[in-house]
Amino acid sequence: MIKLRVTALIALVIAVFVSIDFGLNFGFSLIPELQDGIGSHSILQSLFGVFGDRGWSWARFFYAFQRSLWVTFAVFAVNVLLYVRAEIGRKK
């Protein structure tokens, strides 16, 4: 059980990092003074190339950010459920 909780916590940290990265990238894409066109200011892009080369718009940046927030919420909910289950098991 402890390995599952640790794994879920690590997944939550990674999901929060990805959401923040996508959010910052979306925010920077809305500021035209920072670049000529739509630029990518992402750690994920520089390390893993998650955005690819072409075809990204403000809407696609927003939808990627939105999906990452939903995934983060789901991973957070799993962590809460695992915590509650552990607390109930501890009280028995």
N, C-alpha and C. Protein backbone atom coordinates (compact mmCIF):
# COMPACT_ATOMS: atom_id res chain seq x y z
N MET A 1 0.82 -1.19 0.00
CA MET A 1 0.00 0.00 0.00
C MET A 1 0.87 1.26 0.00
N ILE A 2 1.97 1.21 0.72
CA ILE A 2 2.83 2.39 0.80
C ILE A 2 3.47 2.70 -0.56
N LYS A 3 3.80 1.65 -1.32
CA LYS A 3 4.38 1.88 -2.65
C LYS A 3 3.38 2.56 -3.57
N LEU A 4 2.12 2.18 -3.46
CA LEU A 4 1.07 2.80 -4.27
C LEU A 4 0.90 4.27 -3.92
N ARG A 5 0.94 4.57 -2.63
CA ARG A 5 0.80 5.97 -2.19
C ARG A 5 1.99 6.81 -2.65
N VAL A 6 3.19 6.25 -2.56
CA VAL A 6 4.39 6.98 -3.00
C VAL A 6 4.34 7.21 -4.51
N THR A 7 3.94 6.18 -5.25
CA THR A 7 3.82 6.30 -6.70
C THR A 7 2.79 7.35 -7.08
N ALA A 8 1.65 7.35 -6.39
CA ALA A 8 0.61 8.33 -6.66
C ALA A 8 1.09 9.75 -6.33
N LEU A 9 1.85 9.89 -5.28
CA LEU A 9 2.39 11.20 -4.91
C LEU A 9 3.40 11.69 -5.94
N ILE A 10 4.24 10.81 -6.43
CA ILE A 10 5.20 11.18 -7.48
C ILE A 10 4.45 11.57 -8.75
N ALA A 11 3.39 10.82 -9.09
CA ALA A 11 2.58 11.16 -10.26
C ALA A 11 1.94 12.52 -10.10
N LEU A 12 1.51 12.86 -8.87
CA LEU A 12 0.92 14.17 -8.63
C LEU A 12 1.94 15.28 -8.82
N VAL A 13 3.15 15.09 -8.33
CA VAL A 13 4.19 16.11 -8.50
C VAL A 13 4.49 16.32 -9.98
N ILE A 14 4.59 15.23 -10.73
CA ILE A 14 4.86 15.34 -12.17
C ILE A 14 3.69 16.02 -12.88
N ALA A 15 2.46 15.66 -12.52
CA ALA A 15 1.28 16.27 -13.16
C ALA A 15 1.20 17.77 -12.87
N VAL A 16 1.52 18.16 -11.64
CA VAL A 16 1.52 19.60 -11.31
C VAL A 16 2.59 20.32 -12.11
N PHE A 17 3.78 19.73 -12.22
CA PHE A 17 4.85 20.33 -13.01
C PHE A 17 4.43 20.51 -14.47
N VAL A 18 3.83 19.48 -15.05
CA VAL A 18 3.39 19.56 -16.45
C VAL A 18 2.32 20.62 -16.61
N SER A 19 1.37 20.69 -15.68
CA SER A 19 0.31 21.70 -15.77
C SER A 19 0.86 23.11 -15.68
N ILE A 20 1.80 23.32 -14.77
CA ILE A 20 2.42 24.64 -14.65
C ILE A 20 3.17 24.99 -15.93
N ASP A 21 3.90 24.02 -16.48
CA ASP A 21 4.65 24.25 -17.70
C ASP A 21 3.72 24.60 -18.87
N PHE A 22 2.64 23.82 -19.03
CA PHE A 22 1.68 24.12 -20.09
C PHE A 22 0.99 25.46 -19.86
N GLY A 23 0.68 25.78 -18.60
CA GLY A 23 0.04 27.06 -18.30
C GLY A 23 0.94 28.25 -18.61
N LEU A 24 2.20 28.14 -18.23
CA LEU A 24 3.13 29.22 -18.54
C LEU A 24 3.32 29.36 -20.05
N ASN A 25 3.41 28.24 -20.74
CA ASN A 25 3.56 28.27 -22.18
C ASN A 25 2.34 28.91 -22.84
N PHE A 26 1.15 28.57 -22.38
CA PHE A 26 -0.07 29.18 -22.90
C PHE A 26 -0.08 30.68 -22.62
N GLY A 27 0.29 31.06 -21.40
CA GLY A 27 0.33 32.48 -21.06
C GLY A 27 1.32 33.26 -21.90
N PHE A 28 2.51 32.69 -22.11
CA PHE A 28 3.50 33.36 -22.94
C PHE A 28 3.07 33.44 -24.41
N SER A 29 2.28 32.47 -24.86
CA SER A 29 1.84 32.51 -26.26
C SER A 29 0.83 33.63 -26.50
N LEU A 30 0.20 34.13 -25.43
CA LEU A 30 -0.77 35.21 -25.57
C LEU A 30 -0.13 36.58 -25.64
N ILE A 31 1.17 36.68 -25.36
CA ILE A 31 1.86 37.97 -25.34
C ILE A 31 2.65 38.10 -26.64
N PRO A 32 2.14 38.84 -27.60
CA PRO A 32 2.82 38.90 -28.90
C PRO A 32 4.16 39.63 -28.85
N GLU A 33 4.40 40.46 -27.84
CA GLU A 33 5.66 41.20 -27.77
C GLU A 33 6.84 40.29 -27.44
N LEU A 34 6.58 39.09 -26.92
CA LEU A 34 7.67 38.20 -26.53
C LEU A 34 8.29 37.45 -27.69
N GLN A 35 7.58 37.33 -28.80
CA GLN A 35 8.08 36.56 -29.93
C GLN A 35 7.43 37.03 -31.21
N ASP A 36 7.94 36.56 -32.30
CA ASP A 36 7.35 36.83 -33.60
C ASP A 36 6.50 35.61 -33.97
N GLY A 37 5.21 35.71 -33.79
CA GLY A 37 4.33 34.55 -33.96
C GLY A 37 4.07 33.91 -32.62
N ILE A 38 3.77 32.62 -32.63
CA ILE A 38 3.50 31.90 -31.39
C ILE A 38 4.76 31.11 -31.04
N GLY A 39 5.37 31.49 -29.94
CA GLY A 39 6.60 30.82 -29.54
C GLY A 39 6.35 29.78 -28.48
N SER A 40 7.36 29.00 -28.21
CA SER A 40 7.28 27.96 -27.18
C SER A 40 8.32 28.26 -26.12
N HIS A 41 7.86 28.45 -24.89
CA HIS A 41 8.75 28.72 -23.76
C HIS A 41 8.57 27.60 -22.75
N SER A 42 8.86 26.39 -23.15
CA SER A 42 8.52 25.23 -22.34
C SER A 42 9.76 24.38 -22.05
N ILE A 43 9.86 23.96 -20.80
CA ILE A 43 10.92 23.01 -20.44
C ILE A 43 10.64 21.67 -21.09
N LEU A 44 9.37 21.28 -21.13
CA LEU A 44 9.00 20.00 -21.76
C LEU A 44 9.34 20.00 -23.24
N GLN A 45 9.14 21.13 -23.90
CA GLN A 45 9.46 21.22 -25.32
C GLN A 45 10.96 21.10 -25.55
N SER A 46 11.73 21.78 -24.72
CA SER A 46 13.18 21.74 -24.93
C SER A 46 13.77 20.37 -24.59
N LEU A 47 13.19 19.66 -23.63
CA LEU A 47 13.72 18.35 -23.25
C LEU A 47 13.16 17.19 -24.09
N PHE A 48 11.84 17.22 -24.33
CA PHE A 48 11.19 16.07 -24.94
C PHE A 48 10.51 16.36 -26.27
N GLY A 49 10.40 17.62 -26.67
CA GLY A 49 9.76 17.97 -27.93
C GLY A 49 8.27 17.65 -27.95
N VAL A 50 7.56 17.95 -26.86
CA VAL A 50 6.16 17.56 -26.75
C VAL A 50 5.24 18.30 -27.72
N PHE A 51 5.63 19.46 -28.18
CA PHE A 51 4.77 20.24 -29.06
C PHE A 51 5.01 19.94 -30.53
N GLY A 52 6.05 19.25 -30.86
CA GLY A 52 6.35 19.02 -32.26
C GLY A 52 6.88 20.30 -32.90
N ASP A 53 6.82 20.36 -34.21
CA ASP A 53 7.40 21.51 -34.90
C ASP A 53 6.39 22.56 -35.32
N ARG A 54 5.23 22.16 -35.82
CA ARG A 54 4.31 23.13 -36.42
C ARG A 54 2.87 22.84 -36.02
N GLY A 55 2.02 23.78 -36.37
CA GLY A 55 0.59 23.57 -36.21
C GLY A 55 0.02 23.94 -34.86
N TRP A 56 0.77 24.62 -34.01
CA TRP A 56 0.25 25.00 -32.71
C TRP A 56 -0.36 26.39 -32.79
N SER A 57 -1.53 26.53 -32.21
CA SER A 57 -2.23 27.80 -32.14
C SER A 57 -2.52 28.10 -30.67
N TRP A 58 -3.09 29.26 -30.42
CA TRP A 58 -3.46 29.59 -29.05
C TRP A 58 -4.49 28.60 -28.53
N ALA A 59 -5.40 28.18 -29.38
CA ALA A 59 -6.42 27.22 -28.96
C ALA A 59 -5.80 25.87 -28.60
N ARG A 60 -4.85 25.41 -29.38
CA ARG A 60 -4.19 24.12 -29.07
C ARG A 60 -3.38 24.20 -27.78
N PHE A 61 -2.70 25.35 -27.56
CA PHE A 61 -1.99 25.53 -26.30
C PHE A 61 -2.99 25.49 -25.13
N PHE A 62 -4.13 26.16 -25.30
CA PHE A 62 -5.14 26.19 -24.25
C PHE A 62 -5.69 24.80 -23.98
N TYR A 63 -6.01 24.03 -25.02
CA TYR A 63 -6.57 22.69 -24.84
C TYR A 63 -5.55 21.75 -24.19
N ALA A 64 -4.28 21.89 -24.53
CA ALA A 64 -3.25 21.08 -23.88
C ALA A 64 -3.17 21.43 -22.39
N PHE A 65 -3.25 22.72 -22.09
CA PHE A 65 -3.24 23.17 -20.70
C PHE A 65 -4.48 22.67 -19.97
N GLN A 66 -5.63 22.74 -20.61
CA GLN A 66 -6.88 22.30 -20.01
C GLN A 66 -6.84 20.79 -19.71
N ARG A 67 -6.37 20.00 -20.65
CA ARG A 67 -6.26 18.55 -20.42
C ARG A 67 -5.29 18.24 -19.29
N SER A 68 -4.19 18.97 -19.24
CA SER A 68 -3.23 18.72 -18.16
C SER A 68 -3.83 19.06 -16.80
N LEU A 69 -4.68 20.08 -16.74
CA LEU A 69 -5.34 20.40 -15.47
C LEU A 69 -6.30 19.30 -15.05
N TRP A 70 -7.04 18.73 -16.01
CA TRP A 70 -7.96 17.64 -15.69
C TRP A 70 -7.19 16.40 -15.21
N VAL A 71 -6.09 16.10 -15.85
CA VAL A 71 -5.27 14.96 -15.42
C VAL A 71 -4.72 15.21 -14.02
N THR A 72 -4.28 16.43 -13.76
CA THR A 72 -3.77 16.77 -12.43
C THR A 72 -4.87 16.63 -11.39
N PHE A 73 -6.07 17.08 -11.72
CA PHE A 73 -7.20 16.94 -10.80
C PHE A 73 -7.49 15.47 -10.51
N ALA A 74 -7.46 14.63 -11.53
CA ALA A 74 -7.73 13.21 -11.35
C ALA A 74 -6.66 12.55 -10.48
N VAL A 75 -5.41 12.89 -10.71
CA VAL A 75 -4.32 12.33 -9.90
C VAL A 75 -4.42 12.83 -8.46
N PHE A 76 -4.82 14.07 -8.28
CA PHE A 76 -5.03 14.61 -6.94
C PHE A 76 -6.16 13.86 -6.23
N ALA A 77 -7.26 13.59 -6.94
CA ALA A 77 -8.37 12.85 -6.36
C ALA A 77 -7.93 11.44 -5.95
N VAL A 78 -7.12 10.80 -6.76
CA VAL A 78 -6.60 9.46 -6.41
C VAL A 78 -5.77 9.55 -5.13
N ASN A 79 -4.94 10.59 -5.02
CA ASN A 79 -4.13 10.75 -3.81
C ASN A 79 -5.01 10.96 -2.58
N VAL A 80 -6.07 11.74 -2.71
CA VAL A 80 -6.98 11.96 -1.58
C VAL A 80 -7.66 10.65 -1.19
N LEU A 81 -8.13 9.89 -2.17
CA LEU A 81 -8.78 8.61 -1.88
C LEU A 81 -7.82 7.64 -1.20
N LEU A 82 -6.59 7.58 -1.66
CA LEU A 82 -5.60 6.71 -1.03
C LEU A 82 -5.30 7.14 0.40
N TYR A 83 -5.25 8.44 0.63
CA TYR A 83 -5.02 8.95 1.98
C TYR A 83 -6.18 8.60 2.90
N VAL A 84 -7.40 8.81 2.43
CA VAL A 84 -8.58 8.50 3.24
C VAL A 84 -8.64 7.00 3.54
N ARG A 85 -8.35 6.19 2.54
CA ARG A 85 -8.36 4.74 2.76
C ARG A 85 -7.32 4.33 3.79
N ALA A 86 -6.15 4.93 3.73
CA ALA A 86 -5.10 4.61 4.69
C ALA A 86 -5.51 5.04 6.11
N GLU A 87 -6.15 6.20 6.22
CA GLU A 87 -6.59 6.68 7.53
C GLU A 87 -7.69 5.81 8.12
N ILE A 88 -8.60 5.35 7.27
CA ILE A 88 -9.67 4.46 7.74
C ILE A 88 -9.07 3.13 8.19
N GLY A 89 -8.12 2.61 7.41
CA GLY A 89 -7.46 1.36 7.79
C GLY A 89 -6.65 1.49 9.06
N ARG A 90 -6.10 2.65 9.31
CA ARG A 90 -5.29 2.87 10.51
C ARG A 90 -6.16 2.92 11.77
N LYS A 91 -7.39 3.42 11.65
CA LYS A 91 -8.27 3.55 12.80
C LYS A 91 -8.92 2.23 13.19
N LYS A 92 -8.93 1.26 12.30
CA LYS A 92 -9.56 -0.04 12.63
C LYS A 92 -8.69 -0.81 13.52
